């Protein structure tokens, strides 16, 4: 049922990126026949937001099977999103030249249109009254409209005093807007960020053909049928609750079990595009979900480098004992990215990779019926898009919310002229 719903949504290119009214043939032959099924899916999906763990428990009492399926996803992922993913996963397209070709193409497009991209530059403050953003170099950037695609919590931390509307607004109007801003900021602060990811890149002295005999270029692998289950979550909760009293050995023992029983997402780029690896060599990108808050606690305790190395070692150990015998001896070099890497580079709370936690009601739109409201914020002339603007999210949702925000901004700017 859930995969059929996902298949209906993906049965044609997203109409948000086309204008059916300007393409009569497309409108009559494709869009209108597809529309009733799409609307039906939107209605049904809004009713099927129970966590995937609970829905699977209704289907089977085989707890290891439930664990194996559900641990592919963030805790509390709505069933319609999680179970529909198995249909979406098979429709993935992979860009020639690797995923890095996407930002390269965007850079070329933006600069060709006269835009500027400031790299290694951080937004520090936002004066919402004067509509000026100041970066970490002290440069001021006046704006007519500001689109925020990063962590929404950081947006409100960077507002300078007093946030409100432009000076042309009356005092009562400013007070009303400021109240809305404070309420919106409080709603974002109250909801925790979602989970993060721990990734290792391995350069391996083996040809891609040796891996193509085992799998295709992108798959999810669970080494053991036992799964993590509630036991892991209880152990993790206990470790975090009494972290000061938890020994390093106890935490590393938990980490070893965590790596042995987890679900791995493995990507082998050279199996999609042979140009992405030297002859006779292969790159593996291996990831698993990880709690960013725990990583922060370990970092503050002063031994995160040891934890990081141990996690990578345990991941390699697990895969060598299962799907990739002899892997460790063939590694040329390895690189590691952790939740702290994501926090440092993108200022994402807890290193979250898809925005909000799914274990609490999100403070942003969470149904397809409400997706057109994603650009709105309480701050005048400030709009939002990306993984923090809608929940649950991912790359397709981030792109779609950006498209919707562009429409909203163009419409608002036209009204001002």
Protein backbone atom coordinates (compact mmCIF):
# COMPACT_ATOMS: atom_id res chain seq x y z
CA UNK A 1 0.00 0.00 0.00
CA UNK A 2 2.70 2.48 0.98
CA UNK A 3 4.91 1.73 -2.01
CA UNK A 4 1.91 2.14 -4.32
CA UNK A 5 1.27 5.57 -2.80
CA UNK A 6 4.90 6.55 -3.38
CA UNK A 7 4.75 5.18 -6.93
CA UNK A 8 1.69 7.36 -7.62
CA UNK A 9 3.50 10.47 -6.41
CA UNK A 10 6.48 9.66 -8.64
CA UNK A 11 4.51 8.52 -11.68
CA UNK A 12 5.44 11.69 -13.54
CA UNK A 13 7.93 14.56 -13.26
CA UNK A 14 7.00 16.90 -10.42
CA UNK A 15 4.47 19.41 -11.78
CA UNK A 16 5.89 22.07 -9.45
CA UNK A 17 8.75 22.32 -11.95
CA UNK A 18 6.49 22.73 -14.97
CA UNK A 19 3.57 24.98 -15.87
CA UNK A 20 0.71 22.74 -17.04
CA UNK A 21 -1.37 25.73 -18.13
CA UNK A 22 1.28 26.66 -20.71
CA UNK A 23 1.61 23.10 -22.01
CA UNK A 24 -1.85 21.97 -23.22
CA UNK A 25 -0.71 18.54 -24.41
CA UNK A 26 1.04 17.82 -21.11
CA UNK A 27 -1.99 19.14 -19.22
CA UNK A 28 -4.51 16.92 -21.02
CA UNK A 29 -2.54 13.72 -21.54
CA UNK A 30 -0.49 13.53 -18.34
CA UNK A 31 -1.30 16.06 -15.64
CA UNK A 32 -5.10 15.78 -15.47
CA UNK A 33 -5.17 11.93 -15.57
CA UNK A 34 -2.56 11.86 -12.78
CA UNK A 35 -4.17 14.55 -10.59
CA UNK A 36 -7.02 12.49 -8.97
CA UNK A 37 -4.59 9.79 -7.84
CA UNK A 38 -2.21 12.43 -6.51
CA UNK A 39 -4.95 14.17 -4.50
CA UNK A 40 -6.06 10.81 -3.12
CA UNK A 41 -2.51 10.07 -1.97
CA UNK A 42 -2.22 13.50 -0.35
CA UNK A 43 -5.42 12.85 1.60
CA UNK A 44 -4.45 9.32 2.63
CA UNK A 45 -0.88 10.19 3.54
CA UNK A 46 -2.06 12.94 5.90
CA UNK A 47 -3.93 10.23 7.83
CA UNK A 48 -1.02 7.80 7.94
CA UNK A 49 1.54 9.64 10.00
CA UNK A 50 1.94 7.02 12.73
CA UNK A 51 5.57 6.04 13.40
CA UNK A 52 6.83 3.22 11.23
CA UNK A 53 7.71 1.16 14.32
CA UNK A 54 4.05 1.14 15.43
CA UNK A 55 2.72 0.29 11.97
CA UNK A 56 5.15 -2.61 11.59
CA UNK A 57 4.08 -3.91 15.00
CA UNK A 58 0.49 -4.06 13.67
CA UNK A 59 1.67 -6.18 10.74
CA UNK A 60 3.97 -8.64 12.51
CA UNK A 61 5.07 -9.65 16.00
CA UNK A 62 8.52 -10.62 14.72
CA UNK A 63 10.54 -8.04 16.65
CA UNK A 64 13.89 -8.68 14.92
CA UNK A 65 12.18 -8.14 11.55
CA UNK A 66 10.60 -4.92 12.84
CA UNK A 67 13.99 -3.76 14.07
CA UNK A 68 15.76 -4.58 10.81
CA UNK A 69 13.26 -2.57 8.76
CA UNK A 70 12.75 0.37 11.11
CA UNK A 71 16.43 0.98 11.86
CA UNK A 72 16.90 2.05 8.24
CA UNK A 73 15.09 5.24 9.22
CA UNK A 74 15.20 7.99 11.81
CA UNK A 75 13.37 7.21 15.03
CA UNK A 76 9.67 7.99 14.72
CA UNK A 77 9.64 8.36 10.92
CA UNK A 78 6.01 8.44 9.68
CA UNK A 79 5.07 5.13 8.06
CA UNK A 80 3.93 6.73 4.80
CA UNK A 81 7.37 8.32 4.38
CA UNK A 82 9.43 5.32 5.55
CA UNK A 83 7.69 2.45 3.80
CA UNK A 84 7.23 4.48 0.64
CA UNK A 85 10.99 4.97 0.57
CA UNK A 86 11.48 1.43 -0.73
CA UNK A 87 9.75 2.50 -3.95
CA UNK A 88 11.64 5.80 -4.15
CA UNK A 89 15.02 4.16 -3.55
CA UNK A 90 14.74 2.14 -6.76
CA UNK A 91 14.10 5.30 -8.78
CA UNK A 92 17.25 7.12 -7.69
CA UNK A 93 19.29 8.84 -10.37
CA UNK A 94 23.02 9.41 -9.89
CA UNK A 95 24.77 12.37 -11.56
CA UNK A 96 27.72 11.75 -13.85
CA UNK A 97 30.87 12.90 -12.13
CA UNK A 98 29.49 12.21 -8.66
CA UNK A 99 27.28 14.29 -6.39
CA UNK A 100 29.88 17.06 -6.43
CA UNK A 101 28.79 17.85 -9.98
CA UNK A 102 25.48 19.19 -8.61
CA UNK A 103 26.91 22.18 -6.67
CA UNK A 104 29.33 22.76 -9.54
CA UNK A 105 26.43 23.04 -11.98
CA UNK A 106 24.53 25.31 -9.58
CA UNK A 107 27.58 27.54 -9.22
CA UNK A 108 27.92 27.86 -12.99
CA UNK A 109 24.23 28.71 -13.37
CA UNK A 110 24.19 31.30 -10.58
CA UNK A 111 27.34 33.07 -11.73
CA UNK A 112 26.13 33.06 -15.34
CA UNK A 113 23.01 34.90 -14.14
CA UNK A 114 25.11 37.53 -12.36
CA UNK A 115 24.86 36.04 -8.88
CA UNK A 116 27.69 35.84 -6.35
CA UNK A 117 28.55 32.95 -4.04
CA UNK A 118 30.54 33.75 -0.91
CA UNK A 119 32.37 30.67 0.32
CA UNK A 120 33.97 30.34 3.76
CA UNK A 121 31.60 33.06 4.94
CA UNK A 122 29.24 32.81 7.88
CA UNK A 123 26.11 34.85 8.57
CA UNK A 124 26.55 36.37 12.04
CA UNK A 125 23.69 38.81 12.62
CA UNK A 126 20.45 39.78 10.93
CA UNK A 127 18.93 43.21 11.48
CA UNK A 128 15.33 42.47 10.57
CA UNK A 129 14.26 46.09 11.01
CA UNK A 130 16.82 47.52 8.60
CA UNK A 131 16.93 44.34 6.50
CA UNK A 132 20.69 43.90 6.70
CA UNK A 133 22.67 40.67 7.13
CA UNK A 134 26.21 40.95 8.52
CA UNK A 135 28.78 38.21 7.91
CA UNK A 136 31.81 37.13 9.96
CA UNK A 137 34.06 39.46 7.95
CA UNK A 138 31.98 42.44 9.07
CA UNK A 139 30.52 42.96 5.60
CA UNK A 140 26.91 44.15 5.57
CA UNK A 141 24.50 42.76 2.98
CA UNK A 142 21.23 44.71 2.56
CA UNK A 143 18.38 42.58 1.27
CA UNK A 144 14.89 42.97 -0.15
CA UNK A 145 14.18 39.32 0.63
CA UNK A 146 16.23 36.80 2.59
CA UNK A 147 15.84 33.05 2.05
CA UNK A 148 17.13 31.01 5.00
CA UNK A 149 17.87 27.36 4.18
CA UNK A 150 19.91 26.45 7.26
CA UNK A 151 18.97 25.53 10.84
CA UNK A 152 15.99 27.67 11.84
CA UNK A 153 17.15 27.79 15.45
CA UNK A 154 20.29 29.61 14.35
CA UNK A 155 18.19 32.07 12.34
CA UNK A 156 16.48 33.36 15.46
CA UNK A 157 19.71 33.40 17.47
CA UNK A 158 21.18 35.79 14.91
CA UNK A 159 18.39 38.35 14.99
CA UNK A 160 19.59 41.65 16.44
CA UNK A 161 17.46 43.75 18.78
CA UNK A 162 14.71 44.50 18.54
CA UNK A 163 13.41 42.23 15.76
CA UNK A 164 10.40 43.68 14.10
CA UNK A 165 9.07 45.13 10.91
CA UNK A 166 10.65 47.85 8.77
CA UNK A 167 10.51 51.41 10.19
CA UNK A 168 7.54 52.36 8.02
CA UNK A 169 5.30 50.12 10.16
CA UNK A 170 3.43 51.61 13.11
CA UNK A 171 4.46 50.78 16.70
CA UNK A 172 1.44 48.52 17.40
CA UNK A 173 2.13 46.67 14.18
CA UNK A 174 5.77 46.21 15.20
CA UNK A 175 4.75 44.87 18.62
CA UNK A 176 2.40 42.35 17.02
CA UNK A 177 5.10 41.14 14.64
CA UNK A 178 7.63 40.89 17.46
CA UNK A 179 5.21 38.75 19.48
CA UNK A 180 4.84 36.40 16.51
CA UNK A 181 8.60 36.20 16.13
CA UNK A 182 9.08 35.32 19.79
CA UNK A 183 6.39 32.63 19.64
CA UNK A 184 7.88 31.14 16.48
CA UNK A 185 11.39 31.16 17.96
CA UNK A 186 10.07 29.43 21.11
CA UNK A 187 8.35 26.75 19.02
CA UNK A 188 11.63 25.98 17.25
CA UNK A 189 13.62 25.87 20.48
CA UNK A 190 11.15 23.40 22.02
CA UNK A 191 11.64 20.70 19.36
CA UNK A 192 14.92 18.75 19.24
CA UNK A 193 16.93 18.19 16.09
CA UNK A 194 16.90 14.84 14.34
CA UNK A 195 19.61 12.24 14.13
CA UNK A 196 22.95 12.63 12.45
CA UNK A 197 25.22 10.31 10.49
CA UNK A 198 28.70 8.82 10.86
CA UNK A 199 30.42 8.22 7.51
CA UNK A 200 33.71 6.67 6.49
CA UNK A 201 35.22 6.83 3.02
CA UNK A 202 37.50 3.92 2.19
CA UNK A 203 39.92 3.89 -0.73
CA UNK A 204 40.31 0.17 -1.44
CA UNK A 205 42.96 -1.65 -3.45
CA UNK A 206 40.43 -3.78 -5.35
CA UNK A 207 38.77 -3.24 -8.73
CA UNK A 208 35.09 -2.26 -8.90
CA UNK A 209 34.31 -5.64 -10.48
CA UNK A 210 35.07 -7.39 -7.19
CA UNK A 211 32.30 -5.36 -5.55
CA UNK A 212 29.80 -5.64 -8.42
CA UNK A 213 29.73 -9.40 -7.78
CA UNK A 214 28.33 -8.66 -4.32
CA UNK A 215 25.91 -5.76 -4.83
CA UNK A 216 25.01 -2.84 -7.03
CA UNK A 217 26.32 0.67 -6.41
CA UNK A 218 24.00 1.83 -3.64
CA UNK A 219 22.31 -0.36 -1.06
CA UNK A 220 21.36 -0.77 2.58
CA UNK A 221 22.91 -3.68 4.44
CA UNK A 222 22.14 -5.14 7.87
CA UNK A 223 24.87 -7.60 8.94
CA UNK A 224 22.77 -9.49 11.50
CA UNK A 225 19.09 -10.40 11.63
CA UNK A 226 18.94 -9.50 15.31
CA UNK A 227 18.74 -5.74 14.75
CA UNK A 228 19.33 -3.01 17.30
CA UNK A 229 15.88 -3.02 18.88
CA UNK A 230 14.69 -1.25 22.00
CA UNK A 231 17.62 -2.67 24.00
CA UNK A 232 20.06 -0.42 22.16
CA UNK A 233 17.89 2.64 22.65
CA UNK A 234 17.52 1.94 26.36
CA UNK A 235 21.28 1.47 26.71
CA UNK A 236 21.94 4.70 24.82
CA UNK A 237 19.39 6.60 26.92
CA UNK A 238 20.99 5.27 30.11
CA UNK A 239 24.48 6.22 28.93
CA UNK A 240 23.39 9.78 28.15
CA UNK A 241 21.42 10.12 31.39
CA UNK A 242 24.39 9.13 33.57
CA UNK A 243 27.17 10.15 31.22
CA UNK A 244 29.47 11.49 33.94
CA UNK A 245 29.39 8.10 35.66
CA UNK A 246 29.75 6.05 32.47
CA UNK A 247 33.19 4.57 31.95
CA UNK A 248 34.97 4.78 28.62
CA UNK A 249 35.04 0.97 28.41
CA UNK A 250 31.27 0.75 28.92
CA UNK A 251 30.61 3.27 26.18
CA UNK A 252 33.00 1.58 23.76
CA UNK A 253 31.32 -1.78 24.47
CA UNK A 254 27.98 -0.21 23.55
CA UNK A 255 29.56 1.29 20.42
CA UNK A 256 30.86 -2.10 19.28
CA UNK A 257 27.39 -3.66 19.61
CA UNK A 258 25.89 -0.60 17.91
CA UNK A 259 28.14 -1.09 14.87
CA UNK A 260 27.63 -4.87 14.79
CA UNK A 261 23.82 -4.72 14.74
CA UNK A 262 23.16 -1.52 12.79
CA UNK A 263 21.97 -0.93 9.23
CA UNK A 264 24.63 0.42 6.87
CA UNK A 265 24.05 2.56 3.81
CA UNK A 266 26.83 1.73 1.36
CA UNK A 267 27.59 3.62 -1.82
CA UNK A 268 30.13 2.54 -4.43
CA UNK A 269 30.34 5.50 -6.85
CA UNK A 270 32.59 3.71 -9.38
CA UNK A 271 29.84 1.16 -10.04
CA UNK A 272 27.66 4.04 -11.23
CA UNK A 273 30.40 6.01 -12.98
CA UNK A 274 33.76 4.23 -13.63
CA UNK A 275 35.55 7.58 -13.94
CA UNK A 276 35.15 8.12 -10.19
CA UNK A 277 38.00 5.77 -9.24
CA UNK A 278 41.51 5.08 -10.61
CA UNK A 279 41.97 1.80 -12.52
CA UNK A 280 41.98 -1.18 -10.18
CA UNK A 281 40.83 0.87 -7.17
CA UNK A 282 37.41 1.41 -5.59
CA UNK A 283 35.97 3.98 -3.20
CA UNK A 284 33.37 2.95 -0.61
CA UNK A 285 31.16 5.44 1.23
CA UNK A 286 29.79 3.72 4.35
CA UNK A 287 27.32 5.41 6.69
CA UNK A 288 25.17 4.71 9.70
CA UNK A 289 22.86 6.89 11.76
CA UNK A 290 24.35 8.28 14.96
CA UNK A 291 23.21 10.42 17.89
CA UNK A 292 24.75 13.88 17.58
CA UNK A 293 24.08 14.77 21.21
CA UNK A 294 26.15 11.80 22.39
CA UNK A 295 29.04 12.89 20.17
CA UNK A 296 28.91 16.38 21.68
CA UNK A 297 29.01 14.93 25.20
CA UNK A 298 32.05 12.79 24.35
CA UNK A 299 33.77 15.77 22.70
CA UNK A 300 33.30 17.85 25.85
CA UNK A 301 34.75 14.95 27.86
CA UNK A 302 37.89 15.28 25.74
CA UNK A 303 38.16 11.91 24.00
CA UNK A 304 36.13 12.23 20.81
CA UNK A 305 39.15 11.48 18.59
CA UNK A 306 39.42 8.08 20.27
CA UNK A 307 35.68 7.49 19.90
CA UNK A 308 35.81 8.48 16.23
CA UNK A 309 38.65 6.05 15.49
CA UNK A 310 36.94 3.25 17.42
CA UNK A 311 33.66 3.75 15.54
CA UNK A 312 35.41 3.56 12.16
CA UNK A 313 37.38 0.50 13.30
CA UNK A 314 34.22 -1.28 14.50
CA UNK A 315 32.39 -0.49 11.26
CA UNK A 316 35.22 -1.96 9.19
CA UNK A 317 35.44 -4.95 11.54
CA UNK A 318 31.71 -5.61 11.14
CA UNK A 319 31.78 -5.46 7.34
CA UNK A 320 34.94 -7.55 7.13
CA UNK A 321 33.25 -10.28 9.19
CA UNK A 322 30.22 -10.30 6.91
CA UNK A 323 29.90 -8.88 3.41
CA UNK A 324 33.53 -7.84 2.67
CA UNK A 325 36.03 -10.50 3.89
CA UNK A 326 39.61 -9.22 3.87
CA UNK A 327 38.54 -5.57 3.61
CA UNK A 328 40.89 -4.17 6.27
CA UNK A 329 44.03 -5.41 4.52
CA UNK A 330 43.04 -3.72 1.25
CA UNK A 331 42.40 -0.21 2.61
CA UNK A 332 44.76 2.37 1.08
CA UNK A 333 43.46 5.25 3.20
CA UNK A 334 40.28 6.32 4.95
CA UNK A 335 38.52 9.56 5.83
CA UNK A 336 35.82 10.05 8.43
CA UNK A 337 32.94 12.52 8.81
CA UNK A 338 30.98 12.64 12.06
CA UNK A 339 28.02 14.54 13.52
CA UNK A 340 30.56 17.10 14.78
CA UNK A 341 31.77 17.60 11.20
CA UNK A 342 28.25 18.54 10.17
CA UNK A 343 27.83 20.86 13.17
CA UNK A 344 31.08 22.66 12.39
CA UNK A 345 30.53 23.05 8.65
CA UNK A 346 26.81 23.75 8.52
CA UNK A 347 25.87 24.94 12.04
CA UNK A 348 23.21 22.22 12.07
CA UNK A 349 21.91 21.53 15.57
CA UNK A 350 23.26 18.17 16.82
CA UNK A 351 24.59 17.53 13.32
CA UNK A 352 21.07 16.74 12.10
CA UNK A 353 21.00 15.79 8.42
CA UNK A 354 17.25 16.08 7.81
CA UNK A 355 16.13 18.78 10.22
CA UNK A 356 13.71 18.11 13.04
CA UNK A 357 13.39 15.06 15.26
CA UNK A 358 10.47 12.87 14.21
CA UNK A 359 9.69 11.88 17.79
CA UNK A 360 7.90 15.18 18.53
CA UNK A 361 5.30 17.22 16.62
CA UNK A 362 7.30 19.39 14.20
CA UNK A 363 7.02 23.21 14.33
CA UNK A 364 6.81 23.35 10.51
CA UNK A 365 4.41 21.93 7.88
CA UNK A 366 4.39 18.13 7.92
CA UNK A 367 1.83 17.13 5.28
CA UNK A 368 1.81 17.50 1.51
CA UNK A 369 -1.38 19.51 1.85
CA UNK A 370 0.54 22.16 3.80
CA UNK A 371 3.72 22.27 1.75
CA UNK A 372 2.80 25.57 0.07
CA UNK A 373 3.07 27.24 3.50
CA UNK A 374 6.71 26.27 3.98
CA UNK A 375 8.26 29.64 2.96
CA UNK A 376 6.42 31.65 5.62
CA UNK A 377 8.18 33.00 8.71
CA UNK A 378 7.10 35.56 11.29
CA UNK A 379 10.01 37.81 10.28
CA UNK A 380 9.17 40.38 7.59
CA UNK A 381 10.98 39.79 4.27
CA UNK A 382 12.55 36.55 5.56
CA UNK A 383 11.59 33.20 4.01
CA UNK A 384 12.63 29.63 4.70
CA UNK A 385 13.31 26.51 2.64
CA UNK A 386 15.27 23.30 2.92
CA UNK A 387 15.35 20.44 5.38
CA UNK A 388 14.26 22.58 8.35
CA UNK A 389 11.24 24.06 6.55
CA UNK A 390 9.24 20.82 6.25
CA UNK A 391 9.17 17.51 8.09
CA UNK A 392 10.07 14.79 7.29
CA UNK A 393 12.56 16.01 4.75
CA UNK A 394 15.33 14.98 2.40
CA UNK A 395 16.98 16.22 -0.77
CA UNK A 396 13.78 16.16 -2.92
CA UNK A 397 11.81 18.08 -0.28
CA UNK A 398 14.65 20.58 0.14
CA UNK A 399 14.63 21.26 -3.61
CA UNK A 400 10.85 21.50 -3.73
CA UNK A 401 10.63 23.95 -0.81
CA UNK A 402 13.25 26.07 -2.53
CA UNK A 403 11.07 26.21 -5.63
CA UNK A 404 8.01 27.19 -3.59
CA UNK A 405 10.01 29.84 -1.71
CA UNK A 406 11.19 31.33 -5.02
CA UNK A 407 7.56 31.72 -6.09
CA UNK A 408 6.67 33.36 -2.77
CA UNK A 409 9.59 35.80 -2.95
CA UNK A 410 8.91 36.78 -6.57
CA UNK A 411 5.26 37.39 -5.74
CA UNK A 412 6.12 39.52 -2.68
CA UNK A 413 8.68 41.63 -4.56
CA UNK A 414 6.23 42.27 -7.40
CA UNK A 415 3.66 43.56 -4.92
CA UNK A 416 6.17 46.07 -3.53
CA UNK A 417 6.97 47.59 -6.93
